[in-house]
Amino acid sequence: MTTEQSIINHIAKVLLDGDSDGLDSETPLTELNIIDSAGIFDLVHHLQSEFRVTVPLPEVSPENFATVSAMAALVDRLREDQGGAR
């Protein structure tokens, strides 16, 4: 499973009652009020546990959580910064 698909599955399960219809890697999550600040912190926890990365507080920004694609890019960048893919 790709990073993006894992994130989509988590969002659908936790925030959309299991319904991922219309949710893709470029869906504007914050603009559509799919996630709010509490949802971002849930996603931070998911990224840290699922992908074994540490998300530093400065990286917890609306830009990094605006789309699934942005979150996947964040995970990739953190993996690289923190010693490679795990």
PDB file of N, CA and C in Angstrom:
ATOM      1  N   MET A   1       0.847  -1.178   0.000  1.00  0.00           N
ATOM      2  CA  MET A   1       0.000   0.000   0.000  1.00  0.00           C
ATOM      3  C   MET A   1       0.893   1.241   0.000  1.00  0.00           C
ATOM      4  N   THR A   2       0.520   2.220  -0.788  1.00  0.00           N
ATOM      5  CA  THR A   2       1.296   3.452  -0.863  1.00  0.00           C
ATOM      6  C   THR A   2       1.051   4.319   0.377  1.00  0.00           C
ATOM      7  N   THR A   3       1.942   5.266   0.574  1.00  0.00           N
ATOM      8  CA  THR A   3       1.773   6.225   1.670  1.00  0.00           C
ATOM      9  C   THR A   3       0.454   6.967   1.511  1.00  0.00           C
ATOM     10  N   GLU A   4       0.180   7.423   0.294  1.00  0.00           N
ATOM     11  CA  GLU A   4      -1.067   8.161   0.055  1.00  0.00           C
ATOM     12  C   GLU A   4      -2.292   7.306   0.349  1.00  0.00           C
ATOM     13  N   GLN A   5      -2.285   6.052  -0.085  1.00  0.00           N
ATOM     14  CA  GLN A   5      -3.449   5.194   0.144  1.00  0.00           C
ATOM     15  C   GLN A   5      -3.648   4.917   1.627  1.00  0.00           C
ATOM     16  N   SER A   6      -2.568   4.751   2.368  1.00  0.00           N
ATOM     17  CA  SER A   6      -2.666   4.542   3.810  1.00  0.00           C
ATOM     18  C   SER A   6      -3.299   5.755   4.490  1.00  0.00           C
ATOM     19  N   ILE A   7      -2.891   6.953   4.077  1.00  0.00           N
ATOM     20  CA  ILE A   7      -3.447   8.179   4.652  1.00  0.00           C
ATOM     21  C   ILE A   7      -4.917   8.320   4.271  1.00  0.00           C
ATOM     22  N   ILE A   8      -5.256   8.061   3.021  1.00  0.00           N
ATOM     23  CA  ILE A   8      -6.659   8.122   2.580  1.00  0.00           C
ATOM     24  C   ILE A   8      -7.502   7.147   3.398  1.00  0.00           C
ATOM     25  N   ASN A   9      -7.020   5.934   3.575  1.00  0.00           N
ATOM     26  CA  ASN A   9      -7.770   4.939   4.350  1.00  0.00           C
ATOM     27  C   ASN A   9      -7.991   5.405   5.781  1.00  0.00           C
ATOM     28  N   HIS A  10      -6.968   5.988   6.385  1.00  0.00           N
ATOM     29  CA  HIS A  10      -7.092   6.473   7.761  1.00  0.00           C
ATOM     30  C   HIS A  10      -8.118   7.607   7.845  1.00  0.00           C
ATOM     31  N   ILE A  11      -8.031   8.567   6.941  1.00  0.00           N
ATOM     32  CA  ILE A  11      -8.978   9.687   6.944  1.00  0.00           C
ATOM     33  C   ILE A  11     -10.403   9.171   6.763  1.00  0.00           C
ATOM     34  N   ALA A  12     -10.591   8.261   5.821  1.00  0.00           N
ATOM     35  CA  ALA A  12     -11.934   7.716   5.590  1.00  0.00           C
ATOM     36  C   ALA A  12     -12.448   7.017   6.838  1.00  0.00           C
ATOM     37  N   LYS A  13     -11.614   6.207   7.447  1.00  0.00           N
ATOM     38  CA  LYS A  13     -12.032   5.435   8.627  1.00  0.00           C
ATOM     39  C   LYS A  13     -12.343   6.334   9.819  1.00  0.00           C
ATOM     40  N   VAL A  14     -11.444   7.265  10.110  1.00  0.00           N
ATOM     41  CA  VAL A  14     -11.550   8.058  11.332  1.00  0.00           C
ATOM     42  C   VAL A  14     -12.443   9.287  11.178  1.00  0.00           C
ATOM     43  N   LEU A  15     -12.386   9.940  10.033  1.00  0.00           N
ATOM     44  CA  LEU A  15     -13.080  11.216   9.887  1.00  0.00           C
ATOM     45  C   LEU A  15     -14.320  11.172   9.001  1.00  0.00           C
ATOM     46  N   LEU A  16     -14.451  10.136   8.169  1.00  0.00           N
ATOM     47  CA  LEU A  16     -15.556  10.104   7.207  1.00  0.00           C
ATOM     48  C   LEU A  16     -16.422   8.853   7.336  1.00  0.00           C
ATOM     49  N   ASP A  17     -16.430   8.246   8.501  1.00  0.00           N
ATOM     50  CA  ASP A  17     -17.250   7.058   8.751  1.00  0.00           C
ATOM     51  C   ASP A  17     -17.026   5.959   7.720  1.00  0.00           C
ATOM     52  N   GLY A  18     -15.775   5.816   7.264  1.00  0.00           N
ATOM     53  CA  GLY A  18     -15.427   4.747   6.338  1.00  0.00           C
ATOM     54  C   GLY A  18     -15.694   5.044   4.879  1.00  0.00           C
ATOM     55  N   ASP A  19     -16.207   6.233   4.570  1.00  0.00           N
ATOM     56  CA  ASP A  19     -16.560   6.584   3.195  1.00  0.00           C
ATOM     57  C   ASP A  19     -15.440   7.379   2.528  1.00  0.00           C
ATOM     58  N   SER A  20     -14.757   6.760   1.582  1.00  0.00           N
ATOM     59  CA  SER A  20     -13.670   7.461   0.891  1.00  0.00           C
ATOM     60  C   SER A  20     -14.076   7.967  -0.491  1.00  0.00           C
ATOM     61  N   ASP A  21     -15.378   7.892  -0.817  1.00  0.00           N
ATOM     62  CA  ASP A  21     -15.839   8.383  -2.121  1.00  0.00           C
ATOM     63  C   ASP A  21     -15.482   9.852  -2.298  1.00  0.00           C
ATOM     64  N   GLY A  22     -14.843  10.168  -3.404  1.00  0.00           N
ATOM     65  CA  GLY A  22     -14.475  11.541  -3.707  1.00  0.00           C
ATOM     66  C   GLY A  22     -13.195  12.003  -3.038  1.00  0.00           C
ATOM     67  N   LEU A  23     -12.602  11.146  -2.209  1.00  0.00           N
ATOM     68  CA  LEU A  23     -11.362  11.508  -1.526  1.00  0.00           C
ATOM     69  C   LEU A  23     -10.180  10.981  -2.314  1.00  0.00           C
ATOM     70  N   ASP A  24      -9.317  11.887  -2.756  1.00  0.00           N
ATOM     71  CA  ASP A  24      -8.107  11.465  -3.461  1.00  0.00           C
ATOM     72  C   ASP A  24      -6.930  12.280  -2.942  1.00  0.00           C
ATOM     73  N   SER A  25      -5.794  12.111  -3.568  1.00  0.00           N
ATOM     74  CA  SER A  25      -4.570  12.725  -3.048  1.00  0.00           C
ATOM     75  C   SER A  25      -4.573  14.253  -3.132  1.00  0.00           C
ATOM     76  N   GLU A  26      -5.435  14.835  -3.954  1.00  0.00           N
ATOM     77  CA  GLU A  26      -5.470  16.301  -4.108  1.00  0.00           C
ATOM     78  C   GLU A  26      -6.727  16.950  -3.532  1.00  0.00           C
ATOM     79  N   THR A  27      -7.569  16.194  -2.847  1.00  0.00           N
ATOM     80  CA  THR A  27      -8.755  16.772  -2.224  1.00  0.00           C
ATOM     81  C   THR A  27      -8.312  17.815  -1.192  1.00  0.00           C
ATOM     82  N   PRO A  28      -8.850  19.042  -1.254  1.00  0.00           N
ATOM     83  CA  PRO A  28      -8.442  20.087  -0.303  1.00  0.00           C
ATOM     84  C   PRO A  28      -9.092  19.867   1.068  1.00  0.00           C
ATOM     85  N   LEU A  29      -8.411  19.132   1.916  1.00  0.00           N
ATOM     86  CA  LEU A  29      -8.976  18.659   3.180  1.00  0.00           C
ATOM     87  C   LEU A  29      -9.373  19.775   4.137  1.00  0.00           C
ATOM     88  N   THR A  30      -8.522  20.779   4.277  1.00  0.00           N
ATOM     89  CA  THR A  30      -8.859  21.858   5.205  1.00  0.00           C
ATOM     90  C   THR A  30      -9.903  22.796   4.603  1.00  0.00           C
ATOM     91  N   GLU A  31      -9.808  23.058   3.308  1.00  0.00           N
ATOM     92  CA  GLU A  31     -10.785  23.937   2.653  1.00  0.00           C
ATOM     93  C   GLU A  31     -12.200  23.359   2.715  1.00  0.00           C
ATOM     94  N   LEU A  32     -12.303  22.034   2.635  1.00  0.00           N
ATOM     95  CA  LEU A  32     -13.615  21.385   2.671  1.00  0.00           C
ATOM     96  C   LEU A  32     -14.040  21.004   4.085  1.00  0.00           C
ATOM     97  N   ASN A  33     -13.259  21.448   5.065  1.00  0.00           N
ATOM     98  CA  ASN A  33     -13.539  21.153   6.474  1.00  0.00           C
ATOM     99  C   ASN A  33     -13.608  19.660   6.771  1.00  0.00           C
ATOM    100  N   ILE A  34     -12.837  18.881   6.029  1.00  0.00           N
ATOM    101  CA  ILE A  34     -12.737  17.452   6.321  1.00  0.00           C
ATOM    102  C   ILE A  34     -11.869  17.261   7.555  1.00  0.00           C
ATOM    103  N   ILE A  35     -10.821  18.088   7.667  1.00  0.00           N
ATOM    104  CA  ILE A  35     -10.011  18.067   8.884  1.00  0.00           C
ATOM    105  C   ILE A  35      -9.931  19.469   9.468  1.00  0.00           C
ATOM    106  N   ASP A  36      -9.852  19.504  10.799  1.00  0.00           N
ATOM    107  CA  ASP A  36      -9.654  20.753  11.523  1.00  0.00           C
ATOM    108  C   ASP A  36      -8.386  20.597  12.352  1.00  0.00           C
ATOM    109  N   SER A  37      -8.145  21.489  13.276  1.00  0.00           N
ATOM    110  CA  SER A  37      -6.899  21.416  14.046  1.00  0.00           C
ATOM    111  C   SER A  37      -6.804  20.116  14.843  1.00  0.00           C
ATOM    112  N   ALA A  38      -7.912  19.656  15.414  1.00  0.00           N
ATOM    113  CA  ALA A  38      -7.882  18.379  16.138  1.00  0.00           C
ATOM    114  C   ALA A  38      -7.606  17.228  15.180  1.00  0.00           C
ATOM    115  N   GLY A  39      -8.164  17.295  13.990  1.00  0.00           N
ATOM    116  CA  GLY A  39      -7.920  16.271  12.977  1.00  0.00           C
ATOM    117  C   GLY A  39      -6.471  16.247  12.526  1.00  0.00           C
ATOM    118  N   ILE A  40      -5.848  17.420  12.462  1.00  0.00           N
ATOM    119  CA  ILE A  40      -4.440  17.475  12.088  1.00  0.00           C
ATOM    120  C   ILE A  40      -3.604  16.727  13.124  1.00  0.00           C
ATOM    121  N   PHE A  41      -3.900  16.928  14.403  1.00  0.00           N
ATOM    122  CA  PHE A  41      -3.108  16.246  15.428  1.00  0.00           C
ATOM    123  C   PHE A  41      -3.366  14.745  15.432  1.00  0.00           C
ATOM    124  N   ASP A  42      -4.575  14.320  15.075  1.00  0.00           N
ATOM    125  CA  ASP A  42      -4.827  12.892  14.904  1.00  0.00           C
ATOM    126  C   ASP A  42      -3.973  12.359  13.751  1.00  0.00           C
ATOM    127  N   LEU A  43      -3.901  13.118  12.685  1.00  0.00           N
ATOM    128  CA  LEU A  43      -3.098  12.702  11.533  1.00  0.00           C
ATOM    129  C   LEU A  43      -1.602  12.696  11.859  1.00  0.00           C
ATOM    130  N   VAL A  44      -1.145  13.643  12.670  1.00  0.00           N
ATOM    131  CA  VAL A  44       0.259  13.636  13.104  1.00  0.00           C
ATOM    132  C   VAL A  44       0.557  12.325  13.824  1.00  0.00           C
ATOM    133  N   HIS A  45      -0.325  11.957  14.739  1.00  0.00           N
ATOM    134  CA  HIS A  45      -0.142  10.698  15.475  1.00  0.00           C
ATOM    135  C   HIS A  45      -0.125   9.513  14.508  1.00  0.00           C
ATOM    136  N   HIS A  46      -1.033   9.502  13.549  1.00  0.00           N
ATOM    137  CA  HIS A  46      -1.082   8.420  12.567  1.00  0.00           C
ATOM    138  C   HIS A  46       0.217   8.355  11.756  1.00  0.00           C
ATOM    139  N   LEU A  47       0.681   9.487  11.271  1.00  0.00           N
ATOM    140  CA  LEU A  47       1.914   9.501  10.474  1.00  0.00           C
ATOM    141  C   LEU A  47       3.099   8.998  11.290  1.00  0.00           C
ATOM    142  N   GLN A  48       3.165   9.430  12.537  1.00  0.00           N
ATOM    143  CA  GLN A  48       4.282   9.022  13.386  1.00  0.00           C
ATOM    144  C   GLN A  48       4.250   7.526  13.681  1.00  0.00           C
ATOM    145  N   SER A  49       3.081   6.991  13.955  1.00  0.00           N
ATOM    146  CA  SER A  49       3.007   5.562  14.293  1.00  0.00           C
ATOM    147  C   SER A  49       3.047   4.678  13.046  1.00  0.00           C
ATOM    148  N   GLU A  50       2.381   5.074  11.998  1.00  0.00           N
ATOM    149  CA  GLU A  50       2.312   4.253  10.787  1.00  0.00           C
ATOM    150  C   GLU A  50       3.632   4.252  10.001  1.00  0.00           C
ATOM    151  N   PHE A  51       4.276   5.417   9.927  1.00  0.00           N
ATOM    152  CA  PHE A  51       5.454   5.553   9.074  1.00  0.00           C
ATOM    153  C   PHE A  51       6.749   5.708   9.870  1.00  0.00           C
ATOM    154  N   ARG A  52       6.639   5.641  11.175  1.00  0.00           N
ATOM    155  CA  ARG A  52       7.810   5.698  12.072  1.00  0.00           C
ATOM    156  C   ARG A  52       8.690   6.909  11.808  1.00  0.00           C
ATOM    157  N   VAL A  53       8.039   8.053  11.752  1.00  0.00           N
ATOM    158  CA  VAL A  53       8.748   9.320  11.633  1.00  0.00           C
ATOM    159  C   VAL A  53       8.357  10.192  12.818  1.00  0.00           C
ATOM    160  N   THR A  54       9.181  11.156  13.113  1.00  0.00           N
ATOM    161  CA  THR A  54       8.836  12.165  14.110  1.00  0.00           C
ATOM    162  C   THR A  54       8.465  13.429  13.360  1.00  0.00           C
ATOM    163  N   VAL A  55       7.280  13.944  13.650  1.00  0.00           N
ATOM    164  CA  VAL A  55       6.821  15.165  12.996  1.00  0.00           C
ATOM    165  C   VAL A  55       7.105  16.331  13.949  1.00  0.00           C
ATOM    166  N   PRO A  56       8.138  17.120  13.664  1.00  0.00           N
ATOM    167  CA  PRO A  56       8.457  18.258  14.528  1.00  0.00           C
ATOM    168  C   PRO A  56       7.331  19.290  14.500  1.00  0.00           C
ATOM    169  N   LEU A  57       7.146  19.981  15.609  1.00  0.00           N
ATOM    170  CA  LEU A  57       6.063  20.958  15.718  1.00  0.00           C
ATOM    171  C   LEU A  57       6.047  21.982  14.579  1.00  0.00           C
ATOM    172  N   PRO A  58       7.202  22.507  14.130  1.00  0.00           N
ATOM    173  CA  PRO A  58       7.147  23.467  13.012  1.00  0.00           C
ATOM    174  C   PRO A  58       6.573  22.877  11.714  1.00  0.00           C
ATOM    175  N   GLU A  59       6.594  21.546  11.582  1.00  0.00           N
ATOM    176  CA  GLU A  59       6.040  20.899  10.388  1.00  0.00           C
ATOM    177  C   GLU A  59       4.521  20.700  10.480  1.00  0.00           C
ATOM    178  N   VAL A  60       3.962  20.939  11.670  1.00  0.00           N
ATOM    179  CA  VAL A  60       2.522  20.796  11.852  1.00  0.00           C
ATOM    180  C   VAL A  60       1.882  22.115  11.426  1.00  0.00           C
ATOM    181  N   SER A  61       1.668  22.216  10.130  1.00  0.00           N
ATOM    182  CA  SER A  61       1.133  23.445   9.547  1.00  0.00           C
ATOM    183  C   SER A  61       0.001  23.091   8.586  1.00  0.00           C
ATOM    184  N   PRO A  62      -0.907  24.022   8.373  1.00  0.00           N
ATOM    185  CA  PRO A  62      -2.001  23.758   7.429  1.00  0.00           C
ATOM    186  C   PRO A  62      -1.502  23.361   6.042  1.00  0.00           C
ATOM    187  N   GLU A  63      -0.380  23.921   5.614  1.00  0.00           N
ATOM    188  CA  GLU A  63       0.148  23.609   4.288  1.00  0.00           C
ATOM    189  C   GLU A  63       0.542  22.136   4.179  1.00  0.00           C
ATOM    190  N   ASN A  64       1.151  21.590   5.230  1.00  0.00           N
ATOM    191  CA  ASN A  64       1.600  20.196   5.199  1.00  0.00           C
ATOM    192  C   ASN A  64       0.458  19.196   5.344  1.00  0.00           C
ATOM    193  N   PHE A  65      -0.734  19.682   5.738  1.00  0.00           N
ATOM    194  CA  PHE A  65      -1.869  18.794   5.935  1.00  0.00           C
ATOM    195  C   PHE A  65      -3.064  19.191   5.066  1.00  0.00           C
ATOM    196  N   ALA A  66      -2.820  20.019   4.062  1.00  0.00           N
ATOM    197  CA  ALA A  66      -3.898  20.503   3.191  1.00  0.00           C
ATOM    198  C   ALA A  66      -4.449  19.414   2.288  1.00  0.00           C
ATOM    199  N   THR A  67      -3.583  18.504   1.846  1.00  0.00           N
ATOM    200  CA  THR A  67      -4.001  17.400   0.974  1.00  0.00           C
ATOM    201  C   THR A  67      -3.261  16.131   1.390  1.00  0.00           C
ATOM    202  N   VAL A  68      -3.755  15.012   0.933  1.00  0.00           N
ATOM    203  CA  VAL A  68      -3.064  13.742   1.177  1.00  0.00           C
ATOM    204  C   VAL A  68      -1.697  13.769   0.512  1.00  0.00           C
ATOM    205  N   SER A  69      -1.613  14.350  -0.655  1.00  0.00           N
ATOM    206  CA  SER A  69      -0.340  14.467  -1.364  1.00  0.00           C
ATOM    207  C   SER A  69       0.679  15.255  -0.545  1.00  0.00           C
ATOM    208  N   ALA A  70       0.249  16.345   0.090  1.00  0.00           N
ATOM    209  CA  ALA A  70       1.148  17.148   0.931  1.00  0.00           C
ATOM    210  C   ALA A  70       1.634  16.339   2.130  1.00  0.00           C
ATOM    211  N   MET A  71       0.749  15.539   2.720  1.00  0.00           N
ATOM    212  CA  MET A  71       1.149  14.703   3.855  1.00  0.00           C
ATOM    213  C   MET A  71       2.137  13.622   3.427  1.00  0.00           C
ATOM    214  N   ALA A  72       1.907  13.022   2.281  1.00  0.00           N
ATOM    215  CA  ALA A  72       2.825  11.996   1.777  1.00  0.00           C
ATOM    216  C   ALA A  72       4.193  12.600   1.495  1.00  0.00           C
ATOM    217  N   ALA A  73       4.210  13.813   0.948  1.00  0.00           N
ATOM    218  CA  ALA A  73       5.483  14.500   0.704  1.00  0.00           C
ATOM    219  C   ALA A  73       6.186  14.801   2.024  1.00  0.00           C
ATOM    220  N   LEU A  74       5.425  15.183   3.035  1.00  0.00           N
ATOM    221  CA  LEU A  74       5.994  15.424   4.359  1.00  0.00           C
ATOM    222  C   LEU A  74       6.631  14.150   4.910  1.00  0.00           C
ATOM    223  N   VAL A  75       5.929  13.032   4.811  1.00  0.00           N
ATOM    224  CA  VAL A  75       6.464  11.750   5.281  1.00  0.00           C
ATOM    225  C   VAL A  75       7.752  11.421   4.543  1.00  0.00           C
ATOM    226  N   ASP A  76       7.759  11.577   3.230  1.00  0.00           N
ATOM    227  CA  ASP A  76       8.969  11.292   2.437  1.00  0.00           C
ATOM    228  C   ASP A  76      10.136  12.172   2.876  1.00  0.00           C
ATOM    229  N   ARG A  77       9.858  13.456   3.067  1.00  0.00           N
ATOM    230  CA  ARG A  77      10.904  14.390   3.476  1.00  0.00           C
ATOM    231  C   ARG A  77      11.433  14.041   4.872  1.00  0.00           C
ATOM    232  N   LEU A  78      10.522  13.698   5.792  1.00  0.00           N
ATOM    233  CA  LEU A  78      10.941  13.348   7.146  1.00  0.00           C
ATOM    234  C   LEU A  78      11.740  12.052   7.165  1.00  0.00           C
ATOM    235  N   ARG A  79      11.332  11.088   6.363  1.00  0.00           N
ATOM    236  CA  ARG A  79      12.082   9.834   6.277  1.00  0.00           C
ATOM    237  C   ARG A  79      13.517  10.113   5.834  1.00  0.00           C
ATOM    238  N   GLU A  80      13.650  10.958   4.829  1.00  0.00           N
ATOM    239  CA  GLU A  80      14.981  11.285   4.317  1.00  0.00           C
ATOM    240  C   GLU A  80      15.800  12.021   5.373  1.00  0.00           C
ATOM    241  N   ASP A  81      15.179  13.008   6.016  1.00  0.00           N
ATOM    242  CA  ASP A  81      15.868  13.807   7.037  1.00  0.00           C
ATOM    243  C   ASP A  81      16.237  12.988   8.261  1.00  0.00           C
ATOM    244  N   GLN A  82      15.430  11.958   8.554  1.00  0.00           N
ATOM    245  CA  GLN A  82      15.611  11.194   9.788  1.00  0.00           C
ATOM    246  C   GLN A  82      16.299   9.855   9.560  1.00  0.00           C
ATOM    247  N   GLY A  83      17.018   9.727   8.454  1.00  0.00           N
ATOM    248  CA  GLY A  83      17.837   8.552   8.287  1.00  0.00           C
ATOM    249  C   GLY A  83      17.363   7.532   7.282  1.00  0.00           C
ATOM    250  N   GLY A  84      16.545   7.943   6.346  1.00  0.00           N
ATOM    251  CA  GLY A  84      16.122   7.036   5.286  1.00  0.00           C
ATOM    252  C   GLY A  84      14.809   6.347   5.577  1.00  0.00           C
ATOM    253  N   ALA A  85      14.305   5.647   4.576  1.00  0.00           N
ATOM    254  CA  ALA A  85      13.029   4.923   4.698  1.00  0.00           C
ATOM    255  C   ALA A  85      13.175   3.818   5.716  1.00  0.00           C
ATOM    256  N   ARG A  86      12.093   3.614   6.453  1.00  0.00           N
ATOM    257  CA  ARG A  86      12.110   2.577   7.482  1.00  0.00           C
ATOM    258  C   ARG A  86      11.089   1.519   7.197  1.00  0.00           C
TER     259      ARG A  86
END
